[in-house]
Amino acid sequence: MLLFKNNSYSIYRFQRLLSLYQKNNETLSISSSVKLNATLKKLLDSKQYKEALDLFDQKFEKCTDFTIDMAIKACTISKDYKRGFHIQKRLSSNSLNNPFIQASLIRLYRYVGNEMFEKALDLFEQIHLNFDSVTYTVVFNACAGLANDRAIKIGRKLLDEIPENYRNDVVVLNSAMHMLMKFGDIQSAESIFRSNKKKTIITYNAIIKGNTY
């Protein structure tokens, strides 16, 4: 009986020590991730993109989705697209379903060819997030670059549902107008041109080029 009690107490102590060890490790891991994010942000703020991405690669196991999002943005800014695609291949399904990471990947895709336009639209259809002006611009440009049935359907739907506060954004409007021109919908593009109160040289170029498509 005494032996049984001693064994039970030993098991209890072992489980207690194991629990404390796991808790301490978890705390250290969180602390380490926070420190990594802070260091990475500092490097990015000082435009040391290569150093930031090298650190990201070295500490990938400690990276959170926030870290990954920063790294993808660094790839886009530094035009290191190959590295950005490599990061994407390393991501877990959970990270790939993070809407902020998806939005950053869409921005990365805008700098490459038609194959990436398709991927941009794939991600766009998965995102359940309020877009900013950059995301609207990227998706409109992807639709313009493809100008196929799928792109036309997505582009028109996005334009119809665009919030009121972006209907006066000159960059977004220029992209939408360019897209409509690529679709061959000159009438709708000219309607946006007329309603645009902040016309720029890009606005005029878009409408002039559109009439030559």
C-alpha atoms as a PDB file:
ATOM      1  CA  MET A   1       0.000   0.000   0.000  1.00  0.00           C
ATOM      2  CA  LEU A   2       2.845   2.340   0.883  1.00  0.00           C
ATOM      3  CA  LEU A   3       4.559   1.501  -2.395  1.00  0.00           C
ATOM      4  CA  PHE A   4       1.370   2.348  -4.303  1.00  0.00           C
ATOM      5  CA  LYS A   5       1.115   5.717  -2.531  1.00  0.00           C
ATOM      6  CA  ASN A   6       4.753   6.497  -3.273  1.00  0.00           C
ATOM      7  CA  ASN A   7       4.256   5.618  -6.942  1.00  0.00           C
ATOM      8  CA  SER A   8       1.123   7.743  -7.132  1.00  0.00           C
ATOM      9  CA  TYR A   9       2.945  10.675  -5.555  1.00  0.00           C
ATOM     10  CA  SER A  10       5.869  10.234  -7.950  1.00  0.00           C
ATOM     11  CA  ILE A  11       3.524  10.213 -10.940  1.00  0.00           C
ATOM     12  CA  TYR A  12       1.762  13.313  -9.594  1.00  0.00           C
ATOM     13  CA  ARG A  13       5.080  15.136  -9.165  1.00  0.00           C
ATOM     14  CA  PHE A  14       6.220  14.096 -12.614  1.00  0.00           C
ATOM     15  CA  GLN A  15       2.988  15.373 -14.208  1.00  0.00           C
ATOM     16  CA  ARG A  16       3.285  18.625 -12.240  1.00  0.00           C
ATOM     17  CA  LEU A  17       6.888  19.158 -13.353  1.00  0.00           C
ATOM     18  CA  LEU A  18       5.978  18.318 -16.947  1.00  0.00           C
ATOM     19  CA  SER A  19       3.128  20.829 -16.876  1.00  0.00           C
ATOM     20  CA  LEU A  20       5.401  23.550 -15.491  1.00  0.00           C
ATOM     21  CA  TYR A  21       8.054  22.758 -18.090  1.00  0.00           C
ATOM     22  CA  GLN A  22       5.535  23.011 -20.929  1.00  0.00           C
ATOM     23  CA  LYS A  23       4.130  26.262 -19.545  1.00  0.00           C
ATOM     24  CA  ASN A  24       7.603  27.798 -19.225  1.00  0.00           C
ATOM     25  CA  ASN A  25       8.493  26.700 -22.744  1.00  0.00           C
ATOM     26  CA  GLU A  26       5.285  28.218 -24.074  1.00  0.00           C
ATOM     27  CA  THR A  27       6.036  31.516 -22.291  1.00  0.00           C
ATOM     28  CA  LEU A  28       9.594  31.546 -23.653  1.00  0.00           C
ATOM     29  CA  SER A  29       8.273  30.796 -27.139  1.00  0.00           C
ATOM     30  CA  ILE A  30       5.800  33.689 -26.992  1.00  0.00           C
ATOM     31  CA  SER A  31       8.476  36.021 -25.653  1.00  0.00           C
ATOM     32  CA  SER A  32      10.861  34.882 -28.382  1.00  0.00           C
ATOM     33  CA  SER A  33       8.242  35.498 -31.104  1.00  0.00           C
ATOM     34  CA  VAL A  34       7.483  38.980 -29.787  1.00  0.00           C
ATOM     35  CA  LYS A  35      11.190  39.812 -29.734  1.00  0.00           C
ATOM     36  CA  LEU A  36      11.611  38.458 -33.276  1.00  0.00           C
ATOM     37  CA  ASN A  37       8.688  40.550 -34.559  1.00  0.00           C
ATOM     38  CA  ALA A  38      10.087  43.681 -32.923  1.00  0.00           C
ATOM     39  CA  THR A  39      13.546  43.088 -34.403  1.00  0.00           C
ATOM     40  CA  LEU A  40      12.118  42.379 -37.846  1.00  0.00           C
ATOM     41  CA  LYS A  41       9.975  45.515 -37.771  1.00  0.00           C
ATOM     42  CA  LYS A  42      12.993  47.597 -36.763  1.00  0.00           C
ATOM     43  CA  LEU A  43      14.973  46.265 -39.740  1.00  0.00           C
ATOM     44  CA  LEU A  44      12.075  46.918 -42.125  1.00  0.00           C
ATOM     45  CA  ASP A  45      11.555  50.436 -40.796  1.00  0.00           C
ATOM     46  CA  SER A  46      15.211  51.151 -41.568  1.00  0.00           C
ATOM     47  CA  LYS A  47      14.778  49.591 -45.043  1.00  0.00           C
ATOM     48  CA  GLN A  48      17.185  46.728 -44.326  1.00  0.00           C
ATOM     49  CA  TYR A  49      15.019  44.277 -46.268  1.00  0.00           C
ATOM     50  CA  LYS A  50      17.668  41.664 -47.032  1.00  0.00           C
ATOM     51  CA  GLU A  51      18.786  41.524 -43.387  1.00  0.00           C
ATOM     52  CA  ALA A  52      15.142  41.243 -42.273  1.00  0.00           C
ATOM     53  CA  LEU A  53      14.433  38.390 -44.686  1.00  0.00           C
ATOM     54  CA  ASP A  54      17.645  36.585 -43.734  1.00  0.00           C
ATOM     55  CA  LEU A  55      16.561  36.766 -40.087  1.00  0.00           C
ATOM     56  CA  PHE A  56      13.097  35.521 -41.050  1.00  0.00           C
ATOM     57  CA  ASP A  57      14.620  32.479 -42.765  1.00  0.00           C
ATOM     58  CA  GLN A  58      16.881  31.723 -39.803  1.00  0.00           C
ATOM     59  CA  LYS A  59      14.034  31.930 -37.266  1.00  0.00           C
ATOM     60  CA  PHE A  60      11.193  30.549 -39.395  1.00  0.00           C
ATOM     61  CA  GLU A  61      10.145  28.027 -36.726  1.00  0.00           C
ATOM     62  CA  LYS A  62       9.453  30.906 -34.318  1.00  0.00           C
ATOM     63  CA  CYS A  63       7.511  33.001 -36.815  1.00  0.00           C
ATOM     64  CA  THR A  64       3.876  33.909 -36.230  1.00  0.00           C
ATOM     65  CA  ASP A  65       1.418  34.921 -38.949  1.00  0.00           C
ATOM     66  CA  PHE A  66       2.278  38.533 -38.136  1.00  0.00           C
ATOM     67  CA  THR A  67       5.959  37.798 -38.854  1.00  0.00           C
ATOM     68  CA  ILE A  68       5.060  36.055 -42.119  1.00  0.00           C
ATOM     69  CA  ASP A  69       2.910  38.981 -43.228  1.00  0.00           C
ATOM     70  CA  MET A  70       5.816  41.386 -42.616  1.00  0.00           C
ATOM     71  CA  ALA A  71       8.206  39.134 -44.559  1.00  0.00           C
ATOM     72  CA  ILE A  72       5.911  38.931 -47.605  1.00  0.00           C
ATOM     73  CA  LYS A  73       5.518  42.721 -47.589  1.00  0.00           C
ATOM     74  CA  ALA A  74       9.326  43.032 -47.413  1.00  0.00           C
ATOM     75  CA  CYS A  75       9.619  40.788 -50.498  1.00  0.00           C
ATOM     76  CA  THR A  76       7.147  42.992 -52.365  1.00  0.00           C
ATOM     77  CA  ILE A  77       8.859  46.260 -51.420  1.00  0.00           C
ATOM     78  CA  SER A  78      12.346  44.927 -52.202  1.00  0.00           C
ATOM     79  CA  LYS A  79      11.083  43.249 -55.404  1.00  0.00           C
ATOM     80  CA  ASP A  80      12.400  39.883 -54.226  1.00  0.00           C
ATOM     81  CA  TYR A  81       9.449  38.036 -55.756  1.00  0.00           C
ATOM     82  CA  LYS A  82      11.180  34.662 -55.937  1.00  0.00           C
ATOM     83  CA  ARG A  83      11.737  34.739 -52.206  1.00  0.00           C
ATOM     84  CA  GLY A  84       8.115  35.709 -51.648  1.00  0.00           C
ATOM     85  CA  PHE A  85       6.902  32.674 -53.575  1.00  0.00           C
ATOM     86  CA  HIS A  86       9.334  30.488 -51.622  1.00  0.00           C
ATOM     87  CA  ILE A  87       7.826  31.780 -48.370  1.00  0.00           C
ATOM     88  CA  GLN A  88       4.354  30.930 -49.634  1.00  0.00           C
ATOM     89  CA  LYS A  89       5.404  27.331 -50.330  1.00  0.00           C
ATOM     90  CA  ARG A  90       6.597  26.948 -46.731  1.00  0.00           C
ATOM     91  CA  LEU A  91       3.356  28.114 -45.135  1.00  0.00           C
ATOM     92  CA  SER A  92       0.916  25.896 -43.287  1.00  0.00           C
ATOM     93  CA  SER A  93      -2.701  25.712 -44.420  1.00  0.00           C
ATOM     94  CA  ASN A  94      -3.695  27.819 -41.401  1.00  0.00           C
ATOM     95  CA  SER A  95      -1.300  30.602 -42.394  1.00  0.00           C
ATOM     96  CA  LEU A  96      -2.416  30.417 -46.026  1.00  0.00           C
ATOM     97  CA  ASN A  97      -5.986  30.959 -44.849  1.00  0.00           C
ATOM     98  CA  ASN A  98      -5.050  34.063 -42.863  1.00  0.00           C
ATOM     99  CA  PRO A  99      -6.806  36.956 -44.671  1.00  0.00           C
ATOM    100  CA  PHE A 100      -3.988  39.421 -43.987  1.00  0.00           C
ATOM    101  CA  ILE A 101      -1.396  37.052 -45.464  1.00  0.00           C
ATOM    102  CA  GLN A 102      -3.698  36.456 -48.447  1.00  0.00           C
ATOM    103  CA  ALA A 103      -3.982  40.204 -49.035  1.00  0.00           C
ATOM    104  CA  SER A 104      -0.175  40.562 -48.890  1.00  0.00           C
ATOM    105  CA  LEU A 105       0.247  37.719 -51.384  1.00  0.00           C
ATOM    106  CA  ILE A 106      -2.229  39.389 -53.762  1.00  0.00           C
ATOM    107  CA  ARG A 107      -0.060  42.514 -53.690  1.00  0.00           C
ATOM    108  CA  LEU A 108       3.007  40.386 -54.409  1.00  0.00           C
ATOM    109  CA  TYR A 109       1.308  38.760 -57.407  1.00  0.00           C
ATOM    110  CA  ARG A 110       0.557  42.052 -59.123  1.00  0.00           C
ATOM    111  CA  TYR A 111       4.176  42.405 -60.278  1.00  0.00           C
ATOM    112  CA  VAL A 112       4.298  39.226 -62.331  1.00  0.00           C
ATOM    113  CA  GLY A 113       2.531  37.717 -65.347  1.00  0.00           C
ATOM    114  CA  ASN A 114      -0.817  36.183 -66.161  1.00  0.00           C
ATOM    115  CA  GLU A 115      -0.260  33.030 -64.127  1.00  0.00           C
ATOM    116  CA  MET A 116       0.012  35.145 -60.980  1.00  0.00           C
ATOM    117  CA  PHE A 117      -3.053  37.164 -61.976  1.00  0.00           C
ATOM    118  CA  GLU A 118      -5.036  33.924 -61.762  1.00  0.00           C
ATOM    119  CA  LYS A 119      -3.557  33.188 -58.328  1.00  0.00           C
ATOM    120  CA  ALA A 120      -4.406  36.712 -57.203  1.00  0.00           C
ATOM    121  CA  LEU A 121      -8.044  36.109 -58.115  1.00  0.00           C
ATOM    122  CA  ASP A 122      -7.977  32.712 -56.386  1.00  0.00           C
ATOM    123  CA  LEU A 123      -6.878  34.401 -53.176  1.00  0.00           C
ATOM    124  CA  PHE A 124      -9.295  37.277 -53.641  1.00  0.00           C
ATOM    125  CA  GLU A 125     -12.222  34.830 -53.687  1.00  0.00           C
ATOM    126  CA  GLN A 126     -11.041  33.284 -50.407  1.00  0.00           C
ATOM    127  CA  ILE A 127     -10.655  36.514 -48.471  1.00  0.00           C
ATOM    128  CA  HIS A 128     -13.353  37.645 -46.060  1.00  0.00           C
ATOM    129  CA  LEU A 129     -11.901  40.986 -45.144  1.00  0.00           C
ATOM    130  CA  ASN A 130     -12.509  44.670 -45.750  1.00  0.00           C
ATOM    131  CA  PHE A 131     -10.167  45.705 -48.564  1.00  0.00           C
ATOM    132  CA  ASP A 132      -8.007  48.788 -48.728  1.00  0.00           C
ATOM    133  CA  SER A 133      -7.307  50.884 -51.818  1.00  0.00           C
ATOM    134  CA  VAL A 134      -4.183  48.883 -52.723  1.00  0.00           C
ATOM    135  CA  THR A 135      -6.071  45.581 -52.732  1.00  0.00           C
ATOM    136  CA  TYR A 136      -8.857  47.030 -54.894  1.00  0.00           C
ATOM    137  CA  THR A 137      -6.263  48.363 -57.316  1.00  0.00           C
ATOM    138  CA  VAL A 138      -4.398  45.041 -57.491  1.00  0.00           C
ATOM    139  CA  VAL A 139      -7.554  43.010 -58.129  1.00  0.00           C
ATOM    140  CA  PHE A 140      -8.805  45.443 -60.788  1.00  0.00           C
ATOM    141  CA  ASN A 141      -5.398  45.263 -62.495  1.00  0.00           C
ATOM    142  CA  ALA A 142      -5.428  41.452 -62.335  1.00  0.00           C
ATOM    143  CA  CYS A 143      -8.887  41.417 -63.929  1.00  0.00           C
ATOM    144  CA  ALA A 144      -7.671  43.816 -66.615  1.00  0.00           C
ATOM    145  CA  GLY A 145      -4.617  41.664 -67.277  1.00  0.00           C
ATOM    146  CA  LEU A 146      -6.720  38.540 -67.805  1.00  0.00           C
ATOM    147  CA  ALA A 147      -9.921  40.012 -69.271  1.00  0.00           C
ATOM    148  CA  ASN A 148     -11.471  36.533 -69.500  1.00  0.00           C
ATOM    149  CA  ASP A 149     -14.986  35.501 -68.436  1.00  0.00           C
ATOM    150  CA  ARG A 150     -13.961  34.857 -64.847  1.00  0.00           C
ATOM    151  CA  ALA A 151     -12.065  38.142 -64.539  1.00  0.00           C
ATOM    152  CA  ILE A 152     -14.964  40.100 -66.053  1.00  0.00           C
ATOM    153  CA  LYS A 153     -17.422  38.547 -63.582  1.00  0.00           C
ATOM    154  CA  ILE A 154     -15.185  39.229 -60.560  1.00  0.00           C
ATOM    155  CA  GLY A 155     -14.195  42.732 -61.683  1.00  0.00           C
ATOM    156  CA  ARG A 156     -17.756  43.894 -62.320  1.00  0.00           C
ATOM    157  CA  LYS A 157     -19.016  42.429 -59.040  1.00  0.00           C
ATOM    158  CA  LEU A 158     -16.208  44.073 -57.072  1.00  0.00           C
ATOM    159  CA  LEU A 159     -16.847  47.423 -58.759  1.00  0.00           C
ATOM    160  CA  ASP A 160     -20.579  47.215 -58.030  1.00  0.00           C
ATOM    161  CA  GLU A 161     -19.924  46.477 -54.354  1.00  0.00           C
ATOM    162  CA  ILE A 162     -17.115  48.963 -53.764  1.00  0.00           C
ATOM    163  CA  PRO A 163     -17.748  51.083 -50.625  1.00  0.00           C
ATOM    164  CA  GLU A 164     -18.678  54.733 -51.029  1.00  0.00           C
ATOM    165  CA  ASN A 165     -15.422  55.983 -49.475  1.00  0.00           C
ATOM    166  CA  TYR A 166     -13.410  54.401 -52.321  1.00  0.00           C
ATOM    167  CA  ARG A 167     -15.590  55.843 -55.084  1.00  0.00           C
ATOM    168  CA  ASN A 168     -13.607  59.083 -54.846  1.00  0.00           C
ATOM    169  CA  ASP A 169     -10.174  57.423 -54.665  1.00  0.00           C
ATOM    170  CA  VAL A 170      -8.425  58.476 -57.861  1.00  0.00           C
ATOM    171  CA  VAL A 171      -6.045  55.476 -57.942  1.00  0.00           C
ATOM    172  CA  VAL A 172      -8.875  52.976 -57.466  1.00  0.00           C
ATOM    173  CA  LEU A 173     -11.020  54.753 -60.083  1.00  0.00           C
ATOM    174  CA  ASN A 174      -8.167  54.797 -62.595  1.00  0.00           C
ATOM    175  CA  SER A 175      -7.667  51.050 -62.138  1.00  0.00           C
ATOM    176  CA  ALA A 176     -11.392  50.385 -62.477  1.00  0.00           C
ATOM    177  CA  MET A 177     -11.558  52.505 -65.614  1.00  0.00           C
ATOM    178  CA  HIS A 178      -8.556  50.719 -67.122  1.00  0.00           C
ATOM    179  CA  MET A 179     -10.189  47.378 -66.317  1.00  0.00           C
ATOM    180  CA  LEU A 180     -13.463  48.315 -67.986  1.00  0.00           C
ATOM    181  CA  MET A 181     -11.598  49.484 -71.070  1.00  0.00           C
ATOM    182  CA  LYS A 182      -9.851  46.113 -71.227  1.00  0.00           C
ATOM    183  CA  PHE A 183     -13.263  44.462 -70.993  1.00  0.00           C
ATOM    184  CA  GLY A 184     -14.389  46.522 -73.986  1.00  0.00           C
ATOM    185  CA  ASP A 185     -16.951  48.389 -71.867  1.00  0.00           C
ATOM    186  CA  ILE A 186     -16.046  51.894 -73.020  1.00  0.00           C
ATOM    187  CA  GLN A 187     -19.372  53.380 -71.963  1.00  0.00           C
ATOM    188  CA  SER A 188     -18.956  52.388 -68.291  1.00  0.00           C
ATOM    189  CA  ALA A 189     -15.312  53.511 -68.324  1.00  0.00           C
ATOM    190  CA  GLU A 190     -16.305  56.929 -69.686  1.00  0.00           C
ATOM    191  CA  SER A 191     -19.002  57.184 -67.013  1.00  0.00           C
ATOM    192  CA  ILE A 192     -16.328  56.721 -64.314  1.00  0.00           C
ATOM    193  CA  PHE A 193     -14.116  59.256 -66.114  1.00  0.00           C
ATOM    194  CA  ARG A 194     -16.880  61.862 -66.040  1.00  0.00           C
ATOM    195  CA  SER A 195     -17.679  61.236 -62.363  1.00  0.00           C
ATOM    196  CA  ASN A 196     -14.022  61.389 -61.327  1.00  0.00           C
ATOM    197  CA  LYS A 197     -13.521  64.814 -59.763  1.00  0.00           C
ATOM    198  CA  LYS A 198      -9.779  64.385 -59.219  1.00  0.00           C
ATOM    199  CA  LYS A 199      -8.509  63.560 -62.683  1.00  0.00           C
ATOM    200  CA  THR A 200      -4.759  63.053 -63.118  1.00  0.00           C
ATOM    201  CA  ILE A 201      -2.542  62.501 -66.147  1.00  0.00           C
ATOM    202  CA  ILE A 202      -2.989  58.759 -65.519  1.00  0.00           C
ATOM    203  CA  THR A 203      -6.762  59.205 -65.729  1.00  0.00           C
ATOM    204  CA  TYR A 204      -6.488  60.869 -69.142  1.00  0.00           C
ATOM    205  CA  ASN A 205      -3.957  58.286 -70.360  1.00  0.00           C
ATOM    206  CA  ALA A 206      -6.286  55.464 -69.324  1.00  0.00           C
ATOM    207  CA  ILE A 207      -9.222  56.862 -71.262  1.00  0.00           C
ATOM    208  CA  ILE A 208      -7.082  57.665 -74.347  1.00  0.00           C
ATOM    209  CA  LYS A 209      -5.403  54.245 -74.411  1.00  0.00           C
ATOM    210  CA  GLY A 210      -8.715  52.568 -73.735  1.00  0.00           C
ATOM    211  CA  ASN A 211     -10.150  53.914 -76.952  1.00  0.00           C
ATOM    212  CA  THR A 212      -7.339  52.211 -78.880  1.00  0.00           C
ATOM    213  CA  TYR A 213      -7.979  48.687 -77.496  1.00  0.00           C
END
